[in-house]
Protein backbone atom coordinates (compact mmCIF):
# COMPACT_ATOMS: atom_id res chain seq x y z
CA MET A 1 25.14 -37.64 91.08
CA ALA A 2 27.38 -40.64 90.38
CA GLN A 3 25.76 -41.19 87.00
CA GLU A 4 26.18 -37.56 86.01
CA ASN A 5 29.84 -37.54 87.10
CA PRO A 6 31.32 -40.95 86.31
CA GLN A 7 34.85 -39.77 87.16
CA TRP A 8 33.93 -38.84 90.73
CA GLY A 9 34.91 -41.15 93.55
CA VAL A 10 33.07 -41.86 96.80
CA PRO A 11 34.86 -39.17 98.88
CA ARG A 12 33.99 -36.45 96.40
CA ILE A 13 30.34 -37.48 96.24
CA GLN A 14 30.21 -37.57 100.04
CA SER A 15 31.67 -34.06 100.16
CA GLU A 16 29.06 -32.76 97.72
CA LEU A 17 26.26 -34.37 99.76
CA ALA A 18 27.62 -32.82 102.97
CA LEU A 19 27.51 -29.40 101.33
CA LEU A 20 23.88 -30.10 100.46
CA GLY A 21 23.05 -30.86 104.09
CA TYR A 22 23.21 -34.67 104.00
CA ASP A 23 25.48 -36.06 106.74
CA ILE A 24 26.11 -39.51 105.30
CA ALA A 25 29.00 -41.84 106.09
CA GLU A 26 31.44 -42.70 103.32
CA SER A 27 30.61 -46.40 103.68
CA THR A 28 26.95 -45.62 103.04
CA VAL A 29 27.78 -43.70 99.88
CA ALA A 30 30.03 -46.54 98.71
CA LYS A 31 27.13 -48.98 99.21
CA TYR A 32 24.95 -47.23 96.68
CA VAL A 33 27.54 -45.94 94.23
CA LYS A 34 28.44 -48.41 91.52
CA TYR A 35 32.09 -48.67 90.70
CA CYS A 36 32.85 -47.25 87.26
CA PRO A 37 36.28 -48.17 85.96
CA LYS A 38 38.32 -45.38 84.45
CA PRO A 39 38.45 -45.31 80.68
CA PRO A 40 41.52 -47.10 79.34
CA SER A 41 44.59 -45.09 78.48
CA GLN A 42 45.08 -44.10 74.89
CA MET A 43 46.56 -46.92 72.85
CA TRP A 44 49.81 -46.36 70.97
CA ARG A 45 48.00 -46.99 67.69
CA THR A 46 45.50 -44.27 68.62
CA PHE A 47 48.35 -41.82 69.17
CA LEU A 48 49.79 -42.63 65.75
CA GLU A 49 46.41 -42.20 64.07
CA ASN A 50 45.47 -38.99 65.92
CA HIS A 51 48.76 -37.28 65.05
CA LEU A 52 49.27 -38.77 61.60
CA GLY A 53 50.05 -35.45 59.95
CA ASP A 54 52.46 -34.37 62.69
CA ILE A 55 54.70 -37.44 62.83
CA ALA A 56 57.83 -38.50 61.01
CA ALA A 57 59.90 -41.60 61.69
CA ILE A 58 63.59 -42.29 61.11
CA ASP A 59 65.70 -45.42 61.06
CA PHE A 60 68.91 -46.96 59.77
CA LEU A 61 69.31 -50.13 57.75
CA VAL A 62 72.58 -51.93 57.14
CA VAL A 63 73.48 -53.01 53.61
CA PRO A 64 76.46 -55.31 52.89
CA ILE A 65 78.36 -54.70 49.66
CA VAL A 66 80.32 -57.02 47.39
CA ARG A 67 83.57 -56.48 49.33
CA PHE A 68 81.89 -57.50 52.59
CA ARG A 69 81.91 -53.96 53.94
CA LEU A 70 78.81 -52.45 55.51
CA LEU A 71 77.00 -49.32 54.41
CA TYR A 72 74.42 -47.54 56.53
CA CYS A 73 71.32 -46.09 54.94
CA PHE A 74 69.37 -43.44 56.85
CA VAL A 75 65.71 -42.95 55.87
CA VAL A 76 63.10 -40.38 56.89
CA LEU A 77 59.41 -41.19 56.43
CA ARG A 78 56.40 -38.90 56.86
CA HIS A 79 53.51 -40.84 58.34
CA LYS A 80 50.60 -39.04 56.70
CA GLN A 81 51.24 -40.22 53.15
CA ARG A 82 53.86 -42.91 53.92
CA ARG A 83 56.22 -40.82 51.83
CA VAL A 84 59.99 -41.14 51.94
CA ILE A 85 61.17 -37.53 52.06
CA HIS A 86 64.91 -38.06 52.53
CA PHE A 87 67.61 -40.71 52.57
CA ASN A 88 71.39 -40.86 52.49
CA VAL A 89 74.16 -43.42 52.71
CA THR A 90 77.43 -43.46 54.63
CA ALA A 91 80.05 -45.96 55.73
CA HIS A 92 80.72 -44.13 58.99
CA PRO A 93 77.54 -42.74 60.58
CA THR A 94 77.91 -40.23 63.39
CA ALA A 95 75.52 -38.15 65.46
CA ARG A 96 76.67 -35.00 63.67
CA TRP A 97 76.10 -36.55 60.22
CA THR A 98 72.66 -37.81 61.26
CA GLY A 99 71.73 -34.38 62.59
CA GLN A 100 72.68 -32.83 59.25
CA GLN A 101 70.37 -35.29 57.48
CA ILE A 102 67.46 -34.17 59.65
CA VAL A 103 68.09 -30.55 58.69
CA LYS A 104 68.14 -31.53 55.00
CA ALA A 105 64.96 -33.58 55.39
CA PHE A 106 62.97 -30.68 56.88
CA PRO A 107 63.96 -27.36 55.31
CA TYR A 108 62.20 -24.10 56.11
CA ASP A 109 59.11 -24.77 58.28
CA GLU A 110 58.43 -28.36 57.24
CA ALA A 111 59.57 -30.03 60.46
CA PRO A 112 57.02 -32.34 62.12
CA ARG A 113 55.85 -32.02 65.69
CA PHE A 114 56.97 -35.53 66.67
CA LEU A 115 59.94 -37.60 65.50
CA ILE A 116 59.85 -41.33 66.27
CA ARG A 117 63.15 -43.15 66.64
CA ASP A 118 64.70 -46.09 68.45
CA HIS A 119 67.46 -46.26 71.08
CA ASP A 120 70.32 -46.51 68.60
CA GLY A 121 73.45 -44.94 70.07
CA ILE A 122 73.99 -42.98 66.86
CA TYR A 123 71.38 -40.47 68.03
CA GLY A 124 73.83 -38.72 70.32
CA GLY A 125 74.12 -35.23 71.71
CA ASP A 126 74.72 -33.46 68.39
CA PHE A 127 71.65 -35.10 66.89
CA ARG A 128 69.38 -34.35 69.84
CA GLN A 129 70.55 -30.74 69.93
CA ARG A 130 69.71 -30.27 66.23
CA VAL A 131 66.26 -31.77 66.69
CA GLN A 132 65.58 -29.64 69.76
CA HIS A 133 66.54 -26.44 67.96
CA MET A 134 64.08 -27.34 65.21
CA GLY A 135 61.25 -27.50 67.77
CA VAL A 136 60.65 -31.21 67.25
CA ASP A 137 59.70 -33.54 70.12
CA GLU A 138 61.53 -36.85 70.04
CA VAL A 139 59.44 -39.94 70.76
CA VAL A 140 61.78 -42.81 71.63
CA ILE A 141 60.23 -46.25 71.33
CA ALA A 142 60.81 -48.96 73.93
CA TYR A 143 63.77 -51.31 73.68
CA ARG A 144 63.26 -54.18 71.24
CA SER A 145 59.83 -52.88 70.25
CA PRO A 146 59.96 -52.19 66.50
CA TRP A 147 56.16 -52.49 66.39
CA GLN A 148 56.01 -49.04 68.01
CA SER A 149 57.44 -47.57 64.79
CA PRO A 150 55.48 -49.71 62.33
CA TYR A 151 55.51 -47.52 59.23
CA VAL A 152 59.25 -47.09 58.85
CA GLU A 153 59.83 -50.73 59.82
CA ARG A 154 57.40 -51.78 57.09
CA LEU A 155 59.23 -49.51 54.64
CA ILE A 156 62.57 -51.12 55.42
CA GLY A 157 61.07 -54.60 55.10
CA SER A 158 59.56 -53.72 51.72
CA LEU A 159 62.85 -52.22 50.56
CA ARG A 160 64.70 -55.42 51.37
CA ARG A 161 62.11 -57.82 49.94
CA GLU A 162 61.34 -55.84 46.80
CA CYS A 163 64.79 -54.49 45.96
CA LEU A 164 67.96 -55.14 47.95
CA ASP A 165 67.46 -58.92 48.27
CA HIS A 166 67.64 -59.13 44.46
CA MET A 167 70.78 -57.05 43.91
CA ILE A 168 74.51 -57.11 44.66
CA VAL A 169 75.64 -53.68 45.80
CA LEU A 170 79.05 -52.66 44.49
CA ASN A 171 79.79 -49.49 46.42
CA GLU A 172 78.25 -46.42 48.03
CA ALA A 173 77.49 -44.66 44.75
CA HIS A 174 75.83 -47.79 43.40
CA LEU A 175 73.64 -48.11 46.49
CA ILE A 176 72.56 -44.48 46.21
CA ARG A 177 71.49 -45.08 42.60
CA ILE A 178 69.53 -48.17 43.59
CA LEU A 179 67.77 -46.42 46.47
CA THR A 180 67.00 -43.37 44.35
CA ALA A 181 65.27 -45.59 41.79
CA TYR A 182 63.40 -47.59 44.43
CA PHE A 183 62.16 -44.60 46.42
CA GLU A 184 61.01 -42.93 43.22
CA TYR A 185 58.98 -46.07 42.51
CA TYR A 186 57.83 -46.26 46.16
CA ASN A 187 56.60 -42.66 46.29
CA GLN A 188 55.14 -42.29 42.82
CA SER A 189 53.99 -45.74 41.69
CA ARG A 190 53.73 -48.35 44.45
CA THR A 191 50.19 -48.75 45.78
CA HIS A 192 49.43 -49.00 49.52
CA LEU A 193 46.32 -50.51 51.06
CA SER A 194 46.35 -47.89 53.85
CA LEU A 195 46.28 -45.10 51.25
CA GLY A 196 43.14 -46.31 49.54
CA ARG A 197 45.17 -48.51 47.17
CA ASN A 198 47.03 -45.50 45.83
CA ALA A 199 50.61 -44.24 45.95
CA PRO A 200 52.07 -41.73 48.46
CA ILE A 201 52.03 -39.21 45.62
CA PRO A 202 48.48 -40.02 44.44
CA ARG A 203 47.96 -41.37 40.94
CA THR A 204 44.89 -40.47 38.92
CA VAL A 205 42.50 -43.15 37.72
CA GLU A 206 42.91 -43.80 33.98
CA PRO A 207 39.74 -45.21 32.39
CA PRO A 208 39.88 -47.56 29.38
CA SER A 209 38.84 -44.71 27.10
CA GLN A 210 42.33 -43.21 27.45
CA GLY A 211 43.94 -45.96 25.39
CA ARG A 212 45.83 -49.20 25.72
CA ILE A 213 47.89 -50.16 28.77
CA ILE A 214 51.67 -49.86 28.64
CA ALA A 215 54.25 -51.06 31.18
CA ILE A 216 57.09 -48.77 32.26
CA PRO A 217 60.04 -50.65 33.85
CA GLN A 218 61.23 -49.27 37.19
CA VAL A 219 64.02 -50.21 39.63
CA GLY A 220 65.99 -51.90 36.87
CA GLY A 221 62.98 -53.89 35.70
CA LEU A 222 62.19 -55.39 39.11
CA HIS A 223 58.90 -53.49 39.09
CA HIS A 224 56.71 -51.78 36.54
CA ARG A 225 54.30 -48.89 36.47
CA TYR A 226 51.20 -49.44 34.36
CA THR A 227 49.59 -46.53 32.62
CA ARG A 228 47.57 -45.85 29.55
CA ALA A 229 49.05 -44.60 26.32
CA ALA A 230 47.70 -41.17 25.56
């Protein structure tokens, strides 16, 4: 009985035996029933993998400009294909502005089931109300635990290492142009190990029979896309 029902405890087994006509003490049942530990709770990584197609993550990054002012870049990433679906830049972020960005990121019926974010105070009442009306469940990570939102954190790290660390940003319009070029490269050209060494928008394999290889500069020449000349 214990082997067939590993989740049953001693009292429940004793109750079943009593209903079958066996008047046995609980201590006697415990003597012969081996303790089976409960299966471990689902790991956070398992949650992310099981709901890959239903999750988006958001975050802000701060970018200093040449006049020592700070600009705030808001990014939205879909987990399934690691695709950046929306970004915007502002010098004065507010909860209302951030809520408007969420609406722009998920038009029509494209909203995910879960939205992962941190405890940033910018996600105030206006933002939470917008998200709730869209039918999205907010998943707030623990304090000082960026590893709980690994995909968007990796995106921001890549953006800094591969782009922003090599440029001097002049103003808001300049930063938008830079990010537009980088995210175009990120979505359409940059390969990811987790995507089978392909891009978020998959690239087709080009065999040698299609011609010689040419390099197309991207992100101001910081990166290149390699393709075959038709």
